Protein backbone atom coordinates (compact mmCIF):
# COMPACT_ATOMS: atom_id res chain seq x y z
CA ASN A 1 6.01 -15.84 10.96
CA LEU A 2 7.96 -14.56 13.97
CA ARG A 3 11.38 -14.89 12.35
CA GLU A 4 10.22 -12.91 9.32
CA LYS A 5 8.81 -10.16 11.56
CA ILE A 6 12.11 -9.92 13.47
CA ASN A 7 14.04 -9.68 10.19
CA ASN A 8 11.66 -6.98 8.97
CA TRP A 9 12.18 -4.92 12.14
CA SER A 10 15.96 -5.25 11.81
CA TYR A 11 15.65 -3.81 8.32
CA MET A 12 13.49 -0.99 9.66
CA LYS A 13 16.20 -0.13 12.19
CA LYS A 14 18.73 -0.08 9.38
CA ILE A 15 16.53 2.36 7.46
CA LEU A 16 16.35 4.72 10.45
CA ASN A 17 20.14 4.59 10.74
CA VAL A 18 20.46 5.63 7.09
CA LEU A 19 18.36 8.72 7.83
CA ARG A 20 20.43 9.50 10.92
CA GLU A 21 23.65 9.24 8.90
CA MET A 22 22.21 11.97 6.69
CA ASP A 23 22.03 14.24 9.78
CA LEU A 24 18.24 14.12 9.83
CA THR A 25 16.59 14.12 13.25
CA VAL A 26 14.86 10.76 13.58
CA TYR A 27 13.20 9.25 16.64
CA GLN A 28 12.63 5.55 17.03
CA SER A 29 9.08 4.84 18.16
CA ASP A 30 7.19 1.76 19.16
CA LYS A 31 6.94 -0.08 15.86
CA PHE A 32 3.49 -1.35 15.06
CA ASN A 33 1.48 -2.59 12.16
CA LEU A 34 -0.83 0.22 11.08
CA ASP A 35 -3.26 -2.30 9.61
CA SER A 36 -4.02 -3.45 13.18
CA PHE A 37 -4.80 0.07 14.39
CA HIS A 38 -7.94 1.88 13.32
CA PHE A 39 -7.48 5.60 13.00
CA ASP A 40 -9.96 7.98 11.44
CA PRO A 41 -11.06 6.73 8.01
CA PHE A 42 -8.82 7.83 5.14
CA GLN A 43 -10.83 6.39 2.29
CA ASP A 44 -13.92 7.85 0.68
CA GLU A 45 -13.78 11.00 2.77
CA GLY A 46 -16.23 13.59 1.51
CA GLU A 47 -18.02 11.04 -0.65
CA GLU A 48 -21.75 11.67 -0.73
CA PHE A 49 -24.52 9.21 -1.46
CA GLU A 50 -28.01 9.74 -2.74
CA ARG A 51 -29.89 8.91 0.46
CA SER A 52 -33.31 8.80 -1.18
CA ARG A 53 -32.24 5.76 -3.27
CA ILE A 54 -29.74 3.83 -1.18
CA PHE A 55 -30.59 0.40 -2.51
CA GLU A 56 -31.72 -0.96 -5.84
CA LYS A 57 -35.43 -1.34 -6.49
CA ASP A 58 -37.10 -4.62 -5.64
CA ASN A 59 -36.84 -7.16 -8.41
CA LYS A 60 -40.23 -7.98 -9.94
CA PHE A 61 -39.23 -11.65 -10.17
CA GLY A 62 -38.64 -11.97 -6.42
CA LYS A 63 -35.70 -11.85 -4.06
CA PHE A 64 -33.57 -14.37 -5.94
CA VAL A 65 -32.94 -14.42 -9.67
CA GLN A 66 -31.95 -17.61 -11.42
CA ILE A 67 -29.17 -17.08 -13.93
CA LYS A 68 -28.99 -19.65 -16.67
CA SER A 69 -25.45 -20.52 -17.63
CA ILE A 70 -24.79 -20.90 -21.34
CA THR A 71 -21.44 -22.60 -20.69
CA LYS A 72 -20.31 -25.35 -18.35
CA THR A 73 -17.41 -23.27 -17.05
CA SER A 74 -16.95 -19.66 -16.03
CA ASN A 75 -16.01 -17.10 -18.64
CA PHE A 76 -13.48 -15.62 -16.21
CA SER A 77 -9.94 -16.94 -16.62
CA TYR A 78 -7.75 -14.36 -14.88
CA PHE A 79 -7.94 -13.14 -11.30
CA LEU A 80 -6.11 -10.07 -9.99
CA ASP A 81 -5.49 -9.25 -6.34
CA GLY A 82 -3.24 -7.05 -4.28
CA SER A 83 -1.95 -7.23 -0.72
CA ARG A 84 -0.68 -4.44 1.52
CA LEU A 85 1.05 -4.24 4.91
CA THR A 86 1.89 -0.91 6.54
CA TYR A 87 4.10 -0.12 9.52
CA LYS A 88 5.04 2.97 11.45
CA ILE A 89 8.78 2.68 12.10
CA GLY A 90 9.60 6.07 13.62
CA ASP A 91 9.17 9.83 13.49
CA ILE A 92 11.15 12.48 11.68
CA GLU A 93 11.47 16.10 12.77
CA THR A 94 10.40 18.57 10.07
CA THR A 95 11.96 21.97 9.41
CA ASP A 96 9.15 23.60 11.41
CA HIS A 97 9.91 21.26 14.36
CA LYS A 98 6.93 18.96 14.00
CA PHE A 99 7.12 15.20 14.41
CA MET A 100 5.80 13.32 11.39
CA PRO A 101 5.63 9.52 11.06
CA ILE A 102 7.95 7.49 8.88
CA VAL A 103 5.78 4.79 7.33
CA ALA A 104 6.97 1.59 5.65
CA GLY A 105 4.90 -0.65 3.46
CA GLN A 106 5.10 -4.00 1.73
CA ILE A 107 2.89 -4.53 -1.30
CA ALA A 108 2.35 -7.40 -3.70
CA THR A 109 0.22 -7.73 -6.79
CA GLY A 110 -0.56 -11.06 -8.40
CA VAL A 111 -2.53 -12.55 -11.25
CA CYS A 112 -3.72 -16.15 -11.34
CA LYS A 113 -4.98 -17.94 -14.44
CA ARG A 114 -7.51 -20.75 -14.55
CA ASN A 115 -6.76 -23.40 -17.13
CA ASP A 116 -8.69 -26.66 -17.39
CA GLY A 117 -10.11 -26.13 -13.93
CA LYS A 118 -6.71 -25.55 -12.31
CA ILE A 119 -5.42 -22.26 -10.92
CA LYS A 120 -1.82 -21.34 -11.68
CA LYS A 121 0.27 -18.25 -10.98
CA GLN A 122 0.45 -16.01 -14.02
CA ALA A 123 2.46 -13.10 -12.65
CA ILE A 124 3.49 -11.52 -9.35
CA GLU A 125 5.26 -8.29 -8.42
CA LYS A 126 6.43 -7.12 -5.01
CA ALA A 127 7.77 -3.85 -3.68
CA ASN A 128 8.86 -2.29 -0.40
CA ILE A 129 7.89 1.30 0.29
CA ILE A 130 9.22 4.03 2.57
CA LEU A 131 7.16 7.19 2.94
CA LEU A 132 8.49 10.43 4.37
CA HIS A 133 6.58 13.62 4.99
CA SER A 134 6.54 16.00 2.02
CA SER A 135 8.40 18.68 3.99
CA ILE A 136 11.69 16.82 3.49
CA ASN A 137 14.33 18.70 1.50
CA GLU A 138 14.49 17.57 -2.15
CA ASP A 139 18.25 16.97 -1.98
CA ASP A 140 17.81 14.84 1.16
CA LEU A 141 15.03 12.88 -0.53
CA TYR A 142 17.19 12.22 -3.60
CA ASP A 143 20.12 11.17 -1.39
CA PHE A 144 17.90 8.85 0.66
CA LYS A 145 16.51 7.22 -2.50
CA ASP A 146 20.04 6.59 -3.71
CA LYS A 147 21.13 5.02 -0.41
CA MET A 148 18.04 2.78 -0.26
CA LYS A 149 19.11 1.06 -3.50
CA ALA A 150 21.60 -0.92 -1.40
CA ILE A 151 18.88 -2.34 0.88
CA ASN A 152 16.70 -5.18 -0.33
CA ILE A 153 13.98 -7.17 1.44
CA ARG A 154 12.63 -10.43 0.00
CA ASN A 155 14.17 -9.68 -3.41
CA ALA A 156 11.94 -6.64 -3.79
CA PRO A 157 13.17 -3.10 -4.49
CA PHE A 158 12.45 -0.07 -2.33
CA ILE A 159 10.17 2.70 -3.52
CA VAL A 160 10.81 5.95 -1.66
CA GLU A 161 8.06 8.55 -1.87
CA THR A 162 6.54 11.37 0.16
CA TYR A 163 3.05 11.85 1.55
CA ARG A 164 1.25 15.12 2.16
CA GLN A 165 -0.99 15.88 5.12
CA LYS A 166 -3.93 17.59 3.43
CA ASN A 167 -5.65 18.67 6.63
CA GLN A 168 -4.93 18.82 10.34
CA GLU A 169 -8.04 16.88 11.38
CA THR A 170 -6.85 13.57 9.88
CA ARG A 171 -3.88 11.73 11.32
CA PRO A 172 -0.83 11.84 9.01
CA GLU A 173 -0.52 8.02 9.14
CA ASN A 174 -3.78 7.80 7.22
CA PHE A 175 -2.45 9.91 4.36
CA ALA A 176 0.62 7.68 4.25
CA ILE A 177 -1.54 4.53 4.14
CA ALA A 178 -3.62 6.04 1.34
CA THR A 179 -0.42 6.79 -0.62
CA ILE A 180 0.79 3.19 -0.24
CA HIS A 181 -2.63 1.94 -1.36
CA LYS A 182 -2.42 4.19 -4.44
CA ILE A 183 1.04 2.81 -5.29
CA MET A 184 -0.36 -0.73 -5.00
CA GLN A 185 -3.22 0.12 -7.37
CA GLU A 186 -0.74 1.62 -9.84
CA LEU A 187 1.24 -1.62 -9.69
CA GLU A 188 -1.94 -3.58 -10.47
CA ILE A 189 -2.68 -1.32 -13.46
CA LYS A 190 0.92 -1.71 -14.69
CA MET A 191 0.63 -5.48 -14.48
CA LEU A 192 -2.67 -5.51 -16.38
CA THR A 193 -1.29 -3.16 -19.03
CA GLU A 194 1.72 -5.42 -19.60
CA MET A 195 -0.55 -8.46 -19.91
CA VAL A 196 -2.80 -6.74 -22.45
CA GLU A 197 0.11 -5.47 -24.54
CA SER A 198 2.04 -8.75 -24.54
């Protein structure tokens, strides 16, 4: 809702101030949700498909196949899903005087369980993410991570990481989004691992 968005932006401003207090050159930009803007694709780049066999072969039994159920209910009991929001909150000046985006993210991973036809929450984990360009000094990165421990949004901790721009043709925001997506997938794997081992 609107109040939540305003609170989020006030937190983002606080994050920029933390960077400024560390004597890093930070510029406030128009804040916007990166999920609403479509830059060049960052996923599946370079992936090649066998064009001679794009689709499966026609089924000899026709277009639709009837599957006979051997049980009255589905064999699936657990359902995993993840959610991701990404924002550009400003730009930071690198040591070679380039302007690279500061990207924030909010991720959540949840598992639901079906029991007697009812869906109930099994587990949920949330995290806030701040991504800085990989050119940041290691001491500054460590200091920033330490300072971010005092800031908390929606009872979720902050993960501070860096992203690397692997080529000049792709916008740096896309590499940041891909990094946040990877962190979300790792959170999903962690949750599944804990469920299996418990």
